[in-house]
């Protein structure tokens, strides 16, 4: 069962996360926390009007949550 969840595709996604980290002086930040598994994801955005110009996220999660 666990091998079905943590398959090569999921592990590949989890190992190749782009835009990881936090932005200096973001225009918006959102954080989500899962009570079920304890994962936390923080997303930072830089905006120019209604357009997202930069993005970063900080992921504290298992491989499935990171993927």
PDB file of N, CA and C in Angstrom:
ATOM      1  N   UNK A   1       0.824  -1.201   0.000  1.00  0.00           N
ATOM      2  CA  UNK A   1       0.000   0.000   0.000  1.00  0.00           C
ATOM      3  C   UNK A   1       0.865   1.260   0.000  1.00  0.00           C
ATOM      4  N   UNK A   2       1.860   1.326   0.885  1.00  0.00           N
ATOM      5  CA  UNK A   2       2.697   2.523   0.963  1.00  0.00           C
ATOM      6  C   UNK A   2       3.474   2.731  -0.340  1.00  0.00           C
ATOM      7  N   UNK A   3       3.855   1.637  -1.016  1.00  0.00           N
ATOM      8  CA  UNK A   3       4.556   1.767  -2.294  1.00  0.00           C
ATOM      9  C   UNK A   3       3.666   2.387  -3.363  1.00  0.00           C
ATOM     10  N   UNK A   4       2.353   2.163  -3.267  1.00  0.00           N
ATOM     11  CA  UNK A   4       1.417   2.764  -4.219  1.00  0.00           C
ATOM     12  C   UNK A   4       1.349   4.274  -4.041  1.00  0.00           C
ATOM     13  N   UNK A   5       1.428   4.728  -2.789  1.00  0.00           N
ATOM     14  CA  UNK A   5       1.349   6.164  -2.499  1.00  0.00           C
ATOM     15  C   UNK A   5       2.660   6.855  -2.858  1.00  0.00           C
ATOM     16  N   UNK A   6       3.784   6.280  -2.433  1.00  0.00           N
ATOM     17  CA  UNK A   6       5.093   6.880  -2.669  1.00  0.00           C
ATOM     18  C   UNK A   6       5.752   6.252  -3.896  1.00  0.00           C
ATOM     19  N   UNK A   7       5.094   6.371  -5.038  1.00  0.00           N
ATOM     20  CA  UNK A   7       5.647   5.799  -6.261  1.00  0.00           C
ATOM     21  C   UNK A   7       6.728   6.720  -6.833  1.00  0.00           C
ATOM     22  N   UNK A   8       7.406   6.260  -7.866  1.00  0.00           N
ATOM     23  CA  UNK A   8       8.525   7.004  -8.449  1.00  0.00           C
ATOM     24  C   UNK A   8       8.116   8.385  -8.942  1.00  0.00           C
ATOM     25  N   UNK A   9       6.913   8.506  -9.480  1.00  0.00           N
ATOM     26  CA  UNK A   9       6.459   9.803  -9.991  1.00  0.00           C
ATOM     27  C   UNK A   9       6.305  10.811  -8.850  1.00  0.00           C
ATOM     28  N   UNK A  10       5.680  10.392  -7.754  1.00  0.00           N
ATOM     29  CA  UNK A  10       5.510  11.273  -6.592  1.00  0.00           C
ATOM     30  C   UNK A  10       6.870  11.639  -6.013  1.00  0.00           C
ATOM     31  N   UNK A  11       7.746  10.671  -5.849  1.00  0.00           N
ATOM     32  CA  UNK A  11       9.076  10.955  -5.313  1.00  0.00           C
ATOM     33  C   UNK A  11       9.871  11.867  -6.242  1.00  0.00           C
ATOM     34  N   UNK A  12       9.676  11.734  -7.547  1.00  0.00           N
ATOM     35  CA  UNK A  12      10.326  12.631  -8.500  1.00  0.00           C
ATOM     36  C   UNK A  12       9.851  14.062  -8.355  1.00  0.00           C
ATOM     37  N   UNK A  13       8.535  14.241  -8.219  1.00  0.00           N
ATOM     38  CA  UNK A  13       7.992  15.588  -8.000  1.00  0.00           C
ATOM     39  C   UNK A  13       8.533  16.176  -6.703  1.00  0.00           C
ATOM     40  N   UNK A  14       8.537  15.386  -5.644  1.00  0.00           N
ATOM     41  CA  UNK A  14       8.977  15.862  -4.333  1.00  0.00           C
ATOM     42  C   UNK A  14      10.449  16.256  -4.340  1.00  0.00           C
ATOM     43  N   UNK A  15      11.251  15.585  -5.151  1.00  0.00           N
ATOM     44  CA  UNK A  15      12.675  15.875  -5.204  1.00  0.00           C
ATOM     45  C   UNK A  15      13.050  17.010  -6.133  1.00  0.00           C
ATOM     46  N   UNK A  16      12.100  17.533  -6.876  1.00  0.00           N
ATOM     47  CA  UNK A  16      12.380  18.588  -7.856  1.00  0.00           C
ATOM     48  C   UNK A  16      11.437  19.772  -7.696  1.00  0.00           C
ATOM     49  N   UNK A  17      11.324  20.257  -6.488  1.00  0.00           N
ATOM     50  CA  UNK A  17      10.434  21.383  -6.220  1.00  0.00           C
ATOM     51  C   UNK A  17      11.131  22.669  -6.651  1.00  0.00           C
ATOM     52  N   UNK A  18      10.477  23.430  -7.495  1.00  0.00           N
ATOM     53  CA  UNK A  18      11.010  24.719  -7.927  1.00  0.00           C
ATOM     54  C   UNK A  18      10.485  25.853  -7.061  1.00  0.00           C
ATOM     55  N   UNK A  19      11.159  26.950  -7.105  1.00  0.00           N
ATOM     56  CA  UNK A  19      10.728  28.176  -6.419  1.00  0.00           C
ATOM     57  C   UNK A  19      10.590  27.967  -4.911  1.00  0.00           C
ATOM     58  N   UNK A  20      11.489  27.153  -4.334  1.00  0.00           N
ATOM     59  CA  UNK A  20      11.414  26.836  -2.917  1.00  0.00           C
ATOM     60  C   UNK A  20      12.052  27.952  -2.094  1.00  0.00           C
ATOM     61  N   UNK A  21      11.492  28.228  -0.950  1.00  0.00           N
ATOM     62  CA  UNK A  21      12.021  29.242  -0.050  1.00  0.00           C
ATOM     63  C   UNK A  21      10.999  30.329   0.205  1.00  0.00           C
ATOM     64  N   UNK A  22      11.475  31.468   0.627  1.00  0.00           N
ATOM     65  CA  UNK A  22      10.609  32.604   0.929  1.00  0.00           C
ATOM     66  C   UNK A  22      11.089  33.812   0.138  1.00  0.00           C
ATOM     67  N   UNK A  23      10.167  34.724  -0.181  1.00  0.00           N
ATOM     68  CA  UNK A  23      10.506  35.971  -0.865  1.00  0.00           C
ATOM     69  C   UNK A  23      10.801  37.054   0.164  1.00  0.00           C
ATOM     70  N   UNK A  24      11.722  37.950  -0.180  1.00  0.00           N
ATOM     71  CA  UNK A  24      11.926  39.150   0.630  1.00  0.00           C
ATOM     72  C   UNK A  24      10.792  40.119   0.336  1.00  0.00           C
ATOM     73  N   UNK A  25      10.135  40.606   1.335  1.00  0.00           N
ATOM     74  CA  UNK A  25       9.075  41.610   1.211  1.00  0.00           C
ATOM     75  C   UNK A  25       7.958  41.202   0.247  1.00  0.00           C
ATOM     76  N   UNK A  26       7.314  40.065   0.473  1.00  0.00           N
ATOM     77  CA  UNK A  26       6.210  39.663  -0.412  1.00  0.00           C
ATOM     78  C   UNK A  26       5.018  40.600  -0.259  1.00  0.00           C
ATOM     79  N   UNK A  27       4.223  40.715  -1.314  1.00  0.00           N
ATOM     80  CA  UNK A  27       2.991  41.498  -1.254  1.00  0.00           C
ATOM     81  C   UNK A  27       1.864  40.712  -0.593  1.00  0.00           C
ATOM     82  N   UNK A  28       1.953  39.398  -0.648  1.00  0.00           N
ATOM     83  CA  UNK A  28       0.934  38.544  -0.030  1.00  0.00           C
ATOM     84  C   UNK A  28       1.580  37.245   0.428  1.00  0.00           C
ATOM     85  N   UNK A  29       1.087  36.726   1.538  1.00  0.00           N
ATOM     86  CA  UNK A  29       1.551  35.449   2.076  1.00  0.00           C
ATOM     87  C   UNK A  29       0.351  34.665   2.568  1.00  0.00           C
ATOM     88  N   UNK A  30       0.360  33.378   2.293  1.00  0.00           N
ATOM     89  CA  UNK A  30      -0.688  32.488   2.809  1.00  0.00           C
ATOM     90  C   UNK A  30      -0.010  31.259   3.398  1.00  0.00           C
ATOM     91  N   UNK A  31      -0.607  30.743   4.469  1.00  0.00           N
ATOM     92  CA  UNK A  31      -0.063  29.553   5.113  1.00  0.00           C
ATOM     93  C   UNK A  31      -1.198  28.567   5.340  1.00  0.00           C
ATOM     94  N   UNK A  32      -0.936  27.302   5.067  1.00  0.00           N
ATOM     95  CA  UNK A  32      -1.921  26.245   5.318  1.00  0.00           C
ATOM     96  C   UNK A  32      -1.245  25.148   6.130  1.00  0.00           C
ATOM     97  N   UNK A  33      -1.990  24.617   7.089  1.00  0.00           N
ATOM     98  CA  UNK A  33      -1.475  23.562   7.963  1.00  0.00           C
ATOM     99  C   UNK A  33      -2.476  22.419   7.995  1.00  0.00           C
ATOM    100  N   UNK A  34      -1.999  21.214   7.787  1.00  0.00           N
ATOM    101  CA  UNK A  34      -2.854  20.028   7.831  1.00  0.00           C
ATOM    102  C   UNK A  34      -2.857  19.451   9.240  1.00  0.00           C
ATOM    103  N   UNK A  35      -4.024  19.393   9.849  1.00  0.00           N
ATOM    104  CA  UNK A  35      -4.138  18.776  11.169  1.00  0.00           C
ATOM    105  C   UNK A  35      -3.956  17.266  11.085  1.00  0.00           C
ATOM    106  N   UNK A  36      -4.215  16.706   9.917  1.00  0.00           N
ATOM    107  CA  UNK A  36      -4.118  15.262   9.735  1.00  0.00           C
ATOM    108  C   UNK A  36      -2.672  14.768   9.795  1.00  0.00           C
ATOM    109  N   UNK A  37      -1.786  15.415   9.029  1.00  0.00           N
ATOM    110  CA  UNK A  37      -0.408  14.910   8.950  1.00  0.00           C
ATOM    111  C   UNK A  37       0.636  15.886   9.483  1.00  0.00           C
ATOM    112  N   UNK A  38       0.249  17.118   9.768  1.00  0.00           N
ATOM    113  CA  UNK A  38       1.181  18.099  10.301  1.00  0.00           C
ATOM    114  C   UNK A  38       1.939  18.894   9.259  1.00  0.00           C
ATOM    115  N   UNK A  39       1.657  18.684   7.991  1.00  0.00           N
ATOM    116  CA  UNK A  39       2.326  19.430   6.922  1.00  0.00           C
ATOM    117  C   UNK A  39       1.962  20.907   6.996  1.00  0.00           C
ATOM    118  N   UNK A  40       2.930  21.753   6.651  1.00  0.00           N
ATOM    119  CA  UNK A  40       2.695  23.192   6.571  1.00  0.00           C
ATOM    120  C   UNK A  40       3.268  23.703   5.254  1.00  0.00           C
ATOM    121  N   UNK A  41       2.477  24.503   4.546  1.00  0.00           N
ATOM    122  CA  UNK A  41       2.914  25.118   3.295  1.00  0.00           C
ATOM    123  C   UNK A  41       2.703  26.623   3.422  1.00  0.00           C
ATOM    124  N   UNK A  42       3.750  27.385   3.140  1.00  0.00           N
ATOM    125  CA  UNK A  42       3.677  28.841   3.134  1.00  0.00           C
ATOM    126  C   UNK A  42       3.976  29.317   1.717  1.00  0.00           C
ATOM    127  N   UNK A  43       3.112  30.173   1.184  1.00  0.00           N
ATOM    128  CA  UNK A  43       3.253  30.687  -0.179  1.00  0.00           C
ATOM    129  C   UNK A  43       3.409  32.205  -0.115  1.00  0.00           C
ATOM    130  N   UNK A  44       4.426  32.725  -0.782  1.00  0.00           N
ATOM    131  CA  UNK A  44       4.661  34.166  -0.898  1.00  0.00           C
ATOM    132  C   UNK A  44       4.455  34.592  -2.344  1.00  0.00           C
ATOM    133  N   UNK A  45       3.840  35.762  -2.530  1.00  0.00           N
ATOM    134  CA  UNK A  45       3.619  36.318  -3.867  1.00  0.00           C
ATOM    135  C   UNK A  45       4.110  37.751  -3.931  1.00  0.00           C
ATOM    136  N   UNK A  46       4.659  38.117  -5.077  1.00  0.00           N
ATOM    137  CA  UNK A  46       4.918  39.508  -5.441  1.00  0.00           C
ATOM    138  C   UNK A  46       3.937  39.833  -6.552  1.00  0.00           C
ATOM    139  N   UNK A  47       3.304  40.979  -6.464  1.00  0.00           N
ATOM    140  CA  UNK A  47       2.265  41.363  -7.415  1.00  0.00           C
ATOM    141  C   UNK A  47       2.623  42.670  -8.109  1.00  0.00           C
ATOM    142  N   UNK A  48       2.130  42.801  -9.344  1.00  0.00           N
ATOM    143  CA  UNK A  48       2.138  44.063 -10.077  1.00  0.00           C
ATOM    144  C   UNK A  48       0.707  44.248 -10.547  1.00  0.00           C
ATOM    145  N   UNK A  49      -0.069  44.968  -9.769  1.00  0.00           N
ATOM    146  CA  UNK A  49      -1.502  45.067 -10.038  1.00  0.00           C
ATOM    147  C   UNK A  49      -2.153  43.722  -9.787  1.00  0.00           C
ATOM    148  N   UNK A  50      -2.801  43.184 -10.817  1.00  0.00           N
ATOM    149  CA  UNK A  50      -3.455  41.877 -10.713  1.00  0.00           C
ATOM    150  C   UNK A  50      -2.581  40.735 -11.227  1.00  0.00           C
ATOM    151  N   UNK A  51      -1.319  41.016 -11.513  1.00  0.00           N
ATOM    152  CA  UNK A  51      -0.431  40.019 -12.107  1.00  0.00           C
ATOM    153  C   UNK A  51       0.596  39.545 -11.073  1.00  0.00           C
ATOM    154  N   UNK A  52       0.725  38.236 -10.932  1.00  0.00           N
ATOM    155  CA  UNK A  52       1.756  37.664 -10.068  1.00  0.00           C
ATOM    156  C   UNK A  52       3.090  37.758 -10.805  1.00  0.00           C
ATOM    157  N   UNK A  53       4.067  38.436 -10.201  1.00  0.00           N
ATOM    158  CA  UNK A  53       5.372  38.613 -10.834  1.00  0.00           C
ATOM    159  C   UNK A  53       6.450  37.725 -10.227  1.00  0.00           C
ATOM    160  N   UNK A  54       6.217  37.217  -9.022  1.00  0.00           N
ATOM    161  CA  UNK A  54       7.168  36.307  -8.396  1.00  0.00           C
ATOM    162  C   UNK A  54       6.420  35.447  -7.393  1.00  0.00           C
ATOM    163  N   UNK A  55       6.967  34.267  -7.150  1.00  0.00           N
ATOM    164  CA  UNK A  55       6.307  33.286  -6.313  1.00  0.00           C
ATOM    165  C   UNK A  55       7.364  32.411  -5.645  1.00  0.00           C
ATOM    166  N   UNK A  56       7.145  32.074  -4.407  1.00  0.00           N
ATOM    167  CA  UNK A  56       7.998  31.097  -3.727  1.00  0.00           C
ATOM    168  C   UNK A  56       7.154  30.391  -2.678  1.00  0.00           C
ATOM    169  N   UNK A  57       7.586  29.184  -2.328  1.00  0.00           N
ATOM    170  CA  UNK A  57       6.866  28.479  -1.272  1.00  0.00           C
ATOM    171  C   UNK A  57       7.842  27.704  -0.400  1.00  0.00           C
ATOM    172  N   UNK A  58       7.472  27.617   0.860  1.00  0.00           N
ATOM    173  CA  UNK A  58       8.234  26.883   1.855  1.00  0.00           C
ATOM    174  C   UNK A  58       7.367  25.708   2.278  1.00  0.00           C
ATOM    175  N   UNK A  59       7.829  24.501   2.016  1.00  0.00           N
ATOM    176  CA  UNK A  59       7.035  23.298   2.270  1.00  0.00           C
ATOM    177  C   UNK A  59       7.700  22.479   3.365  1.00  0.00           C
ATOM    178  N   UNK A  60       6.962  22.234   4.416  1.00  0.00           N
ATOM    179  CA  UNK A  60       7.404  21.347   5.494  1.00  0.00           C
ATOM    180  C   UNK A  60       6.432  20.178   5.495  1.00  0.00           C
ATOM    181  N   UNK A  61       6.761  19.134   4.747  1.00  0.00           N
ATOM    182  CA  UNK A  61       5.820  18.028   4.565  1.00  0.00           C
ATOM    183  C   UNK A  61       6.563  16.759   4.179  1.00  0.00           C
ATOM    184  N   UNK A  62       5.836  15.659   4.208  1.00  0.00           N
ATOM    185  CA  UNK A  62       6.368  14.394   3.702  1.00  0.00           C
ATOM    186  C   UNK A  62       6.475  14.488   2.174  1.00  0.00           C
ATOM    187  N   UNK A  63       7.001  13.466   1.551  1.00  0.00           N
ATOM    188  CA  UNK A  63       7.167  13.471   0.090  1.00  0.00           C
ATOM    189  C   UNK A  63       5.845  13.658  -0.631  1.00  0.00           C
ATOM    190  N   UNK A  64       4.779  13.060  -0.133  1.00  0.00           N
ATOM    191  CA  UNK A  64       3.474  13.204  -0.778  1.00  0.00           C
ATOM    192  C   UNK A  64       2.996  14.649  -0.711  1.00  0.00           C
ATOM    193  N   UNK A  65       3.158  15.287   0.429  1.00  0.00           N
ATOM    194  CA  UNK A  65       2.762  16.683   0.576  1.00  0.00           C
ATOM    195  C   UNK A  65       3.616  17.622  -0.253  1.00  0.00           C
ATOM    196  N   UNK A  66       4.880  17.294  -0.438  1.00  0.00           N
ATOM    197  CA  UNK A  66       5.767  18.127  -1.243  1.00  0.00           C
ATOM    198  C   UNK A  66       5.462  18.012  -2.726  1.00  0.00           C
ATOM    199  N   UNK A  67       5.021  16.852  -3.148  1.00  0.00           N
ATOM    200  CA  UNK A  67       4.724  16.632  -4.566  1.00  0.00           C
ATOM    201  C   UNK A  67       3.510  17.431  -4.965  1.00  0.00           C
TER     202      UNK A  67
END
